């Protein structure tokens, strides 16, 4: 995001604008209108509109020159920047998960199930047994003269 203090230090009421403010505001406008693809208007971040009214580029330029940027609008969420910055999201994802995300435990379970001791099938729990019995009965013919179950 970088330092955006220029938005407030380079503008003074009455049209006293620094060269840096003019250049960086122009870059902001280019970026803001590039993100609205095909539209001639977008949210105006001037101190008067406060991102509540949509303006054309010409009107927005006049508003920013006359009124300056709205207070504390250093994260341009109305103009394409996400609400949370990427490094905040990445750091949170890393902290939320353990190092191997349980892969080691899954591999141990797999190895235990397929390679240790004799492979004997366990008896299913009672509800599963009823379900398997129903499936087996459904495969049997209705009577001795039919082949369809």
N, C-alpha and C. Protein backbone atom coordinates (compact mmCIF):
# COMPACT_ATOMS: atom_id res chain seq x y z
N UNK A 1 0.85 -1.19 0.00
CA UNK A 1 0.00 0.00 0.00
C UNK A 1 0.88 1.24 0.00
N UNK A 2 1.93 1.23 0.74
CA UNK A 2 2.83 2.38 0.75
C UNK A 2 2.30 3.51 1.62
N UNK A 3 3.10 4.53 1.72
CA UNK A 3 2.73 5.70 2.53
C UNK A 3 1.77 6.58 1.74
N UNK A 4 0.63 6.85 2.30
CA UNK A 4 -0.37 7.68 1.61
C UNK A 4 -0.62 8.99 2.32
N UNK A 5 0.36 9.43 3.09
CA UNK A 5 0.22 10.71 3.79
C UNK A 5 0.11 11.86 2.80
N UNK A 6 0.62 11.67 1.58
CA UNK A 6 0.56 12.70 0.54
C UNK A 6 -0.88 13.15 0.29
N UNK A 7 -1.85 12.26 0.53
CA UNK A 7 -3.25 12.59 0.27
C UNK A 7 -3.71 13.77 1.12
N UNK A 8 -3.09 13.93 2.29
CA UNK A 8 -3.54 14.95 3.24
C UNK A 8 -2.52 16.07 3.42
N UNK A 9 -1.24 15.76 3.24
CA UNK A 9 -0.22 16.80 3.42
C UNK A 9 -0.03 17.64 2.16
N UNK A 10 -0.40 17.10 1.01
CA UNK A 10 -0.18 17.83 -0.24
C UNK A 10 -1.36 18.67 -0.69
N UNK A 11 -2.43 18.70 0.10
CA UNK A 11 -3.62 19.47 -0.27
C UNK A 11 -3.97 20.43 0.84
N UNK A 12 -4.24 21.67 0.43
CA UNK A 12 -4.74 22.66 1.39
C UNK A 12 -5.92 23.37 0.76
N UNK A 13 -6.89 23.71 1.58
CA UNK A 13 -8.08 24.42 1.10
C UNK A 13 -7.67 25.67 0.33
N UNK A 14 -8.35 25.93 -0.72
CA UNK A 14 -8.04 27.11 -1.53
C UNK A 14 -7.20 26.78 -2.76
N UNK A 15 -6.99 25.48 -3.00
CA UNK A 15 -6.29 25.07 -4.21
C UNK A 15 -4.78 25.04 -4.11
N UNK A 16 -4.24 25.09 -2.92
CA UNK A 16 -2.79 25.00 -2.74
C UNK A 16 -2.39 23.53 -2.75
N UNK A 17 -1.95 23.04 -3.93
CA UNK A 17 -1.64 21.62 -4.13
C UNK A 17 -0.16 21.44 -4.43
N UNK A 18 0.43 20.39 -3.86
CA UNK A 18 1.83 20.11 -4.17
C UNK A 18 1.91 19.31 -5.48
N UNK A 19 3.07 19.31 -6.08
CA UNK A 19 3.29 18.56 -7.32
C UNK A 19 3.08 17.07 -7.04
N UNK A 20 3.57 16.59 -5.90
CA UNK A 20 3.40 15.19 -5.53
C UNK A 20 1.91 14.85 -5.45
N UNK A 21 1.11 15.71 -4.81
CA UNK A 21 -0.32 15.46 -4.67
C UNK A 21 -0.97 15.36 -6.04
N UNK A 22 -0.65 16.25 -6.93
CA UNK A 22 -1.23 16.26 -8.28
C UNK A 22 -0.87 14.96 -9.01
N UNK A 23 0.40 14.59 -8.98
CA UNK A 23 0.85 13.38 -9.70
C UNK A 23 0.21 12.11 -9.12
N UNK A 24 0.21 12.01 -7.81
CA UNK A 24 -0.32 10.79 -7.19
C UNK A 24 -1.85 10.73 -7.26
N UNK A 25 -2.51 11.87 -7.24
CA UNK A 25 -3.96 11.88 -7.42
C UNK A 25 -4.31 11.46 -8.83
N UNK A 26 -3.54 11.90 -9.80
CA UNK A 26 -3.75 11.49 -11.19
C UNK A 26 -3.57 9.97 -11.32
N UNK A 27 -2.54 9.42 -10.67
CA UNK A 27 -2.32 7.97 -10.69
C UNK A 27 -3.49 7.24 -10.01
N UNK A 28 -3.99 7.79 -8.89
CA UNK A 28 -5.15 7.21 -8.22
C UNK A 28 -6.35 7.18 -9.15
N UNK A 29 -6.61 8.30 -9.83
CA UNK A 29 -7.75 8.37 -10.74
C UNK A 29 -7.61 7.36 -11.89
N UNK A 30 -6.39 7.23 -12.43
CA UNK A 30 -6.17 6.25 -13.49
C UNK A 30 -6.52 4.84 -13.01
N UNK A 31 -6.05 4.50 -11.82
CA UNK A 31 -6.29 3.18 -11.27
C UNK A 31 -7.77 2.97 -10.94
N UNK A 32 -8.38 3.96 -10.34
CA UNK A 32 -9.79 3.85 -9.94
C UNK A 32 -10.69 3.65 -11.14
N UNK A 33 -10.47 4.40 -12.22
CA UNK A 33 -11.33 4.28 -13.38
C UNK A 33 -10.96 3.08 -14.25
N UNK A 34 -9.76 2.57 -14.14
CA UNK A 34 -9.40 1.33 -14.85
C UNK A 34 -10.14 0.14 -14.25
N UNK A 35 -10.44 0.20 -12.96
CA UNK A 35 -11.10 -0.92 -12.27
C UNK A 35 -12.60 -0.99 -12.55
N UNK A 36 -13.22 0.09 -13.03
CA UNK A 36 -14.67 0.08 -13.24
C UNK A 36 -15.05 -0.33 -14.65
N UNK A 37 -14.12 -0.73 -15.45
CA UNK A 37 -14.30 -1.29 -16.80
C UNK A 37 -15.64 -0.97 -17.44
N UNK A 38 -15.64 -0.04 -18.34
CA UNK A 38 -16.83 0.27 -19.11
C UNK A 38 -17.76 1.29 -18.47
N UNK A 39 -17.54 1.64 -17.25
CA UNK A 39 -18.39 2.64 -16.60
C UNK A 39 -17.68 3.98 -16.59
N UNK A 40 -18.45 5.03 -16.70
CA UNK A 40 -17.87 6.38 -16.69
C UNK A 40 -17.87 6.97 -15.30
N UNK A 41 -18.48 6.26 -14.32
CA UNK A 41 -18.57 6.82 -12.97
C UNK A 41 -18.09 5.79 -11.95
N UNK A 42 -17.63 6.30 -10.82
CA UNK A 42 -17.26 5.46 -9.68
C UNK A 42 -17.39 6.30 -8.41
N UNK A 43 -17.19 5.68 -7.27
CA UNK A 43 -17.37 6.35 -5.99
C UNK A 43 -16.35 7.47 -5.82
N UNK A 44 -16.84 8.62 -5.41
CA UNK A 44 -15.98 9.80 -5.23
C UNK A 44 -15.45 9.84 -3.80
N UNK A 45 -14.10 9.81 -3.64
CA UNK A 45 -13.51 9.79 -2.30
C UNK A 45 -13.21 11.17 -1.74
N UNK A 46 -13.85 12.20 -2.30
CA UNK A 46 -13.57 13.55 -1.79
C UNK A 46 -14.18 13.72 -0.41
N UNK A 47 -13.74 14.74 0.29
CA UNK A 47 -14.20 15.00 1.65
C UNK A 47 -15.69 15.33 1.69
N UNK A 48 -16.24 15.81 0.61
CA UNK A 48 -17.65 16.17 0.54
C UNK A 48 -18.53 14.93 0.27
N UNK A 49 -18.13 14.08 -0.71
CA UNK A 49 -18.92 12.90 -1.08
C UNK A 49 -18.66 11.72 -0.15
N UNK A 50 -17.44 11.57 0.32
CA UNK A 50 -17.10 10.50 1.27
C UNK A 50 -17.42 9.09 0.78
N UNK A 51 -17.21 8.82 -0.50
CA UNK A 51 -17.49 7.51 -1.10
C UNK A 51 -18.95 7.12 -1.01
N UNK A 52 -19.85 8.11 -1.01
CA UNK A 52 -21.28 7.82 -0.99
C UNK A 52 -21.97 8.23 -2.28
N UNK A 53 -21.27 8.98 -3.12
CA UNK A 53 -21.83 9.41 -4.41
C UNK A 53 -20.89 9.01 -5.53
N UNK A 54 -21.47 8.66 -6.66
CA UNK A 54 -20.66 8.29 -7.82
C UNK A 54 -20.51 9.49 -8.73
N UNK A 55 -19.31 9.68 -9.24
CA UNK A 55 -19.01 10.84 -10.08
C UNK A 55 -18.23 10.41 -11.33
N UNK A 56 -18.24 11.27 -12.34
CA UNK A 56 -17.39 11.06 -13.50
C UNK A 56 -15.97 11.44 -13.11
N UNK A 57 -15.03 11.10 -13.98
CA UNK A 57 -13.63 11.42 -13.68
C UNK A 57 -13.44 12.93 -13.57
N UNK A 58 -14.05 13.68 -14.46
CA UNK A 58 -13.89 15.14 -14.45
C UNK A 58 -14.44 15.74 -13.15
N UNK A 59 -15.64 15.31 -12.75
CA UNK A 59 -16.23 15.83 -11.52
C UNK A 59 -15.43 15.40 -10.30
N UNK A 60 -14.94 14.15 -10.31
CA UNK A 60 -14.14 13.65 -9.18
C UNK A 60 -12.84 14.45 -9.07
N UNK A 61 -12.22 14.76 -10.19
CA UNK A 61 -10.99 15.56 -10.18
C UNK A 61 -11.26 16.92 -9.56
N UNK A 62 -12.35 17.56 -9.97
CA UNK A 62 -12.71 18.86 -9.40
C UNK A 62 -13.00 18.75 -7.90
N UNK A 63 -13.72 17.72 -7.51
CA UNK A 63 -14.04 17.53 -6.09
C UNK A 63 -12.77 17.34 -5.27
N UNK A 64 -11.85 16.49 -5.74
CA UNK A 64 -10.62 16.25 -4.98
C UNK A 64 -9.78 17.51 -4.87
N UNK A 65 -9.73 18.29 -5.94
CA UNK A 65 -8.96 19.54 -5.90
C UNK A 65 -9.60 20.55 -4.94
N UNK A 66 -10.93 20.60 -4.92
CA UNK A 66 -11.64 21.58 -4.09
C UNK A 66 -11.81 21.14 -2.64
N UNK A 67 -12.06 19.85 -2.41
CA UNK A 67 -12.40 19.38 -1.07
C UNK A 67 -11.37 18.43 -0.45
N UNK A 68 -10.44 17.92 -1.23
CA UNK A 68 -9.45 16.97 -0.73
C UNK A 68 -10.06 15.59 -0.54
N UNK A 69 -9.22 14.64 -0.14
CA UNK A 69 -9.68 13.27 0.11
C UNK A 69 -10.41 13.20 1.44
N UNK A 70 -11.38 12.27 1.52
CA UNK A 70 -12.09 12.04 2.77
C UNK A 70 -11.10 11.54 3.83
N UNK A 71 -11.35 11.88 5.07
CA UNK A 71 -10.42 11.54 6.17
C UNK A 71 -10.18 10.03 6.27
N UNK A 72 -8.93 9.68 6.52
CA UNK A 72 -8.52 8.30 6.80
C UNK A 72 -8.84 7.31 5.68
N UNK A 73 -8.93 7.78 4.45
CA UNK A 73 -9.19 6.85 3.33
C UNK A 73 -7.86 6.43 2.72
N UNK A 74 -7.05 5.71 3.51
CA UNK A 74 -5.74 5.29 3.03
C UNK A 74 -5.76 3.87 2.49
N UNK A 75 -6.80 3.12 2.74
CA UNK A 75 -7.00 1.81 2.12
C UNK A 75 -8.18 1.96 1.17
N UNK A 76 -7.90 1.91 -0.11
CA UNK A 76 -8.87 2.29 -1.13
C UNK A 76 -9.84 1.16 -1.44
N UNK A 77 -10.66 0.79 -0.47
CA UNK A 77 -11.56 -0.35 -0.63
C UNK A 77 -12.67 -0.09 -1.66
N UNK A 78 -13.04 1.16 -1.87
CA UNK A 78 -14.06 1.47 -2.87
C UNK A 78 -13.46 1.56 -4.27
N UNK A 79 -12.16 1.44 -4.35
CA UNK A 79 -11.47 1.59 -5.64
C UNK A 79 -10.53 0.43 -5.92
N UNK A 80 -10.93 -0.77 -5.50
CA UNK A 80 -10.23 -1.98 -5.91
C UNK A 80 -9.31 -2.63 -4.90
N UNK A 81 -8.99 -1.98 -3.80
CA UNK A 81 -8.15 -2.64 -2.81
C UNK A 81 -9.04 -3.44 -1.87
N UNK A 82 -8.57 -4.61 -1.48
CA UNK A 82 -9.37 -5.44 -0.59
C UNK A 82 -9.42 -4.80 0.79
N UNK A 83 -10.40 -5.24 1.56
CA UNK A 83 -10.60 -4.70 2.90
C UNK A 83 -9.44 -5.05 3.82
N UNK A 84 -8.88 -6.24 3.64
CA UNK A 84 -7.70 -6.65 4.41
C UNK A 84 -6.56 -6.85 3.42
N UNK A 85 -5.38 -6.48 3.82
CA UNK A 85 -4.23 -6.59 2.95
C UNK A 85 -3.75 -8.04 2.89
N UNK A 86 -3.10 -8.39 1.80
CA UNK A 86 -2.66 -9.76 1.54
C UNK A 86 -1.78 -10.31 2.67
N UNK A 87 -0.82 -9.52 3.16
CA UNK A 87 0.09 -10.04 4.20
C UNK A 87 -0.65 -10.34 5.50
N UNK A 88 -1.75 -9.63 5.79
CA UNK A 88 -2.54 -9.94 6.96
C UNK A 88 -3.23 -11.29 6.80
N UNK A 89 -3.74 -11.57 5.62
CA UNK A 89 -4.46 -12.81 5.36
C UNK A 89 -3.50 -13.99 5.38
N UNK A 90 -2.35 -13.87 4.72
CA UNK A 90 -1.37 -14.95 4.67
C UNK A 90 -0.87 -15.28 6.06
N UNK A 91 -0.56 -14.28 6.84
CA UNK A 91 -0.07 -14.51 8.20
C UNK A 91 -1.13 -15.25 9.02
N UNK A 92 -2.39 -14.88 8.88
CA UNK A 92 -3.46 -15.52 9.63
C UNK A 92 -3.60 -16.98 9.22
N UNK A 93 -3.53 -17.28 7.95
CA UNK A 93 -3.67 -18.66 7.49
C UNK A 93 -2.54 -19.53 8.03
N UNK A 94 -1.35 -19.01 8.09
CA UNK A 94 -0.22 -19.77 8.61
C UNK A 94 -0.41 -20.05 10.08
N UNK A 95 -0.90 -19.08 10.83
CA UNK A 95 -1.08 -19.26 12.27
C UNK A 95 -2.25 -20.19 12.58
N UNK A 96 -3.24 -20.26 11.70
CA UNK A 96 -4.42 -21.09 11.95
C UNK A 96 -4.18 -22.58 11.78
N UNK A 97 -3.13 -22.98 11.09
CA UNK A 97 -2.90 -24.39 10.80
C UNK A 97 -1.57 -24.84 11.39
N UNK A 98 -1.54 -26.12 11.76
CA UNK A 98 -0.26 -26.64 12.23
C UNK A 98 0.64 -26.87 11.01
N UNK A 99 1.89 -27.18 11.26
CA UNK A 99 2.89 -27.23 10.19
C UNK A 99 2.53 -28.20 9.07
N UNK A 100 2.10 -29.43 9.41
CA UNK A 100 1.82 -30.40 8.34
C UNK A 100 0.33 -30.60 8.11
N UNK A 101 -0.51 -29.85 8.80
CA UNK A 101 -1.96 -29.89 8.64
C UNK A 101 -2.52 -31.30 8.86
N UNK A 102 -1.88 -32.12 9.70
CA UNK A 102 -2.39 -33.44 10.01
C UNK A 102 -2.04 -34.51 9.00
N UNK A 103 -1.20 -34.20 8.03
CA UNK A 103 -0.85 -35.17 7.01
C UNK A 103 -0.13 -36.37 7.62
N UNK A 104 0.74 -36.14 8.57
CA UNK A 104 1.45 -37.23 9.23
C UNK A 104 0.49 -38.20 9.89
N UNK A 105 -0.54 -37.68 10.58
CA UNK A 105 -1.53 -38.55 11.22
C UNK A 105 -2.30 -39.36 10.19
N UNK A 106 -2.66 -38.73 9.08
CA UNK A 106 -3.39 -39.45 8.03
C UNK A 106 -2.54 -40.57 7.44
N UNK A 107 -1.26 -40.31 7.21
CA UNK A 107 -0.37 -41.35 6.68
C UNK A 107 -0.21 -42.50 7.66
N UNK A 108 -0.11 -42.19 8.95
CA UNK A 108 -0.03 -43.24 9.97
C UNK A 108 -1.29 -44.10 9.96
N UNK A 109 -2.47 -43.46 9.88
CA UNK A 109 -3.73 -44.21 9.84
C UNK A 109 -3.79 -45.11 8.61
N UNK A 110 -3.37 -44.58 7.46
CA UNK A 110 -3.38 -45.36 6.22
C UNK A 110 -2.46 -46.57 6.36
N UNK A 111 -1.27 -46.35 6.86
CA UNK A 111 -0.30 -47.44 7.01
C UNK A 111 -0.83 -48.51 7.96
N UNK A 112 -1.42 -48.06 9.06
CA UNK A 112 -1.98 -48.98 10.04
C UNK A 112 -3.10 -49.82 9.44
N UNK A 113 -3.96 -49.20 8.65
CA UNK A 113 -5.11 -49.88 8.08
C UNK A 113 -4.72 -50.88 7.00
N UNK A 114 -3.66 -50.63 6.27
CA UNK A 114 -3.36 -51.47 5.12
C UNK A 114 -2.13 -52.35 5.25
N UNK A 115 -1.24 -52.08 6.14
CA UNK A 115 0.02 -52.80 6.14
C UNK A 115 0.37 -53.50 7.44
N UNK A 116 -0.32 -53.22 8.52
CA UNK A 116 0.05 -53.83 9.80
C UNK A 116 -0.88 -54.98 10.14
N UNK A 117 -0.31 -56.11 10.55
CA UNK A 117 -1.10 -57.24 11.00
C UNK A 117 -1.93 -57.83 9.89
N UNK A 118 -2.85 -58.70 10.29
CA UNK A 118 -3.73 -59.31 9.31
C UNK A 118 -4.87 -58.37 9.01
N UNK A 119 -5.27 -58.39 7.78
CA UNK A 119 -6.39 -57.55 7.36
C UNK A 119 -7.67 -58.30 7.63
N UNK A 120 -8.25 -58.11 8.75
CA UNK A 120 -9.53 -58.74 9.06
C UNK A 120 -10.57 -57.65 9.11
N UNK A 121 -11.71 -57.99 8.50
CA UNK A 121 -12.77 -57.00 8.45
C UNK A 121 -13.50 -56.94 9.78
N UNK A 122 -13.77 -55.77 10.23
CA UNK A 122 -14.51 -55.60 11.47
C UNK A 122 -16.00 -55.78 11.21
N UNK A 123 -16.70 -56.16 12.22
CA UNK A 123 -18.15 -56.26 12.14
C UNK A 123 -18.71 -54.84 12.12
N UNK A 124 -19.61 -54.51 11.16
CA UNK A 124 -20.16 -53.14 11.13
C UNK A 124 -21.07 -52.88 12.32
N UNK A 125 -21.26 -51.64 12.64
CA UNK A 125 -22.16 -51.29 13.74
C UNK A 125 -23.58 -51.68 13.34
N UNK A 126 -24.50 -51.78 14.28
CA UNK A 126 -25.83 -52.33 14.02
C UNK A 126 -26.60 -51.61 12.89
N UNK A 127 -26.58 -50.28 12.85
CA UNK A 127 -27.33 -49.58 11.80
C UNK A 127 -26.71 -49.83 10.43
N UNK A 128 -25.41 -49.92 10.36
CA UNK A 128 -24.74 -50.19 9.09
C UNK A 128 -25.05 -51.62 8.65
N UNK A 129 -25.10 -52.57 9.61
CA UNK A 129 -25.40 -53.96 9.28
C UNK A 129 -26.80 -54.07 8.68
N UNK A 130 -27.78 -53.38 9.25
CA UNK A 130 -29.14 -53.39 8.71
C UNK A 130 -29.14 -52.86 7.28
N UNK A 131 -28.40 -51.80 7.03
CA UNK A 131 -28.33 -51.21 5.69
C UNK A 131 -27.71 -52.21 4.70
N UNK A 132 -26.61 -52.86 5.08
CA UNK A 132 -25.97 -53.85 4.20
C UNK A 132 -26.90 -55.03 3.94
N UNK A 133 -27.66 -55.46 4.96
CA UNK A 133 -28.62 -56.55 4.77
C UNK A 133 -29.70 -56.15 3.77
N UNK A 134 -30.19 -54.92 3.85
CA UNK A 134 -31.20 -54.43 2.89
C UNK A 134 -30.64 -54.43 1.48
N UNK A 135 -29.39 -53.99 1.32
CA UNK A 135 -28.77 -54.01 -0.01
C UNK A 135 -28.68 -55.43 -0.56
N UNK A 136 -28.32 -56.40 0.30
CA UNK A 136 -28.20 -57.79 -0.15
C UNK A 136 -29.56 -58.34 -0.57
N UNK A 137 -30.61 -58.06 0.20
CA UNK A 137 -31.96 -58.52 -0.13
C UNK A 137 -32.44 -57.89 -1.42
N UNK A 138 -32.09 -56.63 -1.65
CA UNK A 138 -32.53 -55.94 -2.87
C UNK A 138 -31.92 -56.57 -4.12
N UNK A 139 -30.83 -57.31 -3.99
CA UNK A 139 -30.19 -57.94 -5.13
C UNK A 139 -30.79 -59.31 -5.45
N UNK A 140 -31.58 -59.87 -4.54
CA UNK A 140 -32.19 -61.18 -4.75
C UNK A 140 -33.44 -61.05 -5.61
N UNK A 141 -33.75 -62.07 -6.44
CA UNK A 141 -34.96 -62.03 -7.26
C UNK A 141 -36.23 -62.03 -6.40
N UNK A 142 -37.33 -61.46 -6.94
CA UNK A 142 -38.59 -61.41 -6.20
C UNK A 142 -39.13 -62.81 -5.94
N UNK A 143 -39.06 -63.71 -6.96
CA UNK A 143 -39.42 -65.11 -6.79
C UNK A 143 -38.62 -65.93 -7.79
N UNK A 144 -38.75 -67.22 -7.76
CA UNK A 144 -37.92 -68.12 -8.54
C UNK A 144 -38.02 -67.98 -10.05
N UNK A 145 -39.10 -67.39 -10.58
CA UNK A 145 -39.30 -67.30 -12.03
C UNK A 145 -38.83 -65.96 -12.60
N UNK A 146 -38.32 -65.06 -11.78
CA UNK A 146 -37.91 -63.75 -12.27
C UNK A 146 -36.40 -63.58 -12.09
N UNK A 147 -35.85 -62.80 -12.99
CA UNK A 147 -34.42 -62.50 -12.89
C UNK A 147 -34.19 -61.06 -12.41
N UNK A 148 -35.26 -60.28 -12.31
CA UNK A 148 -35.16 -58.88 -11.88
C UNK A 148 -35.45 -58.80 -10.40
N UNK A 149 -34.65 -58.04 -9.68
CA UNK A 149 -34.87 -57.93 -8.24
C UNK A 149 -35.84 -56.84 -7.93
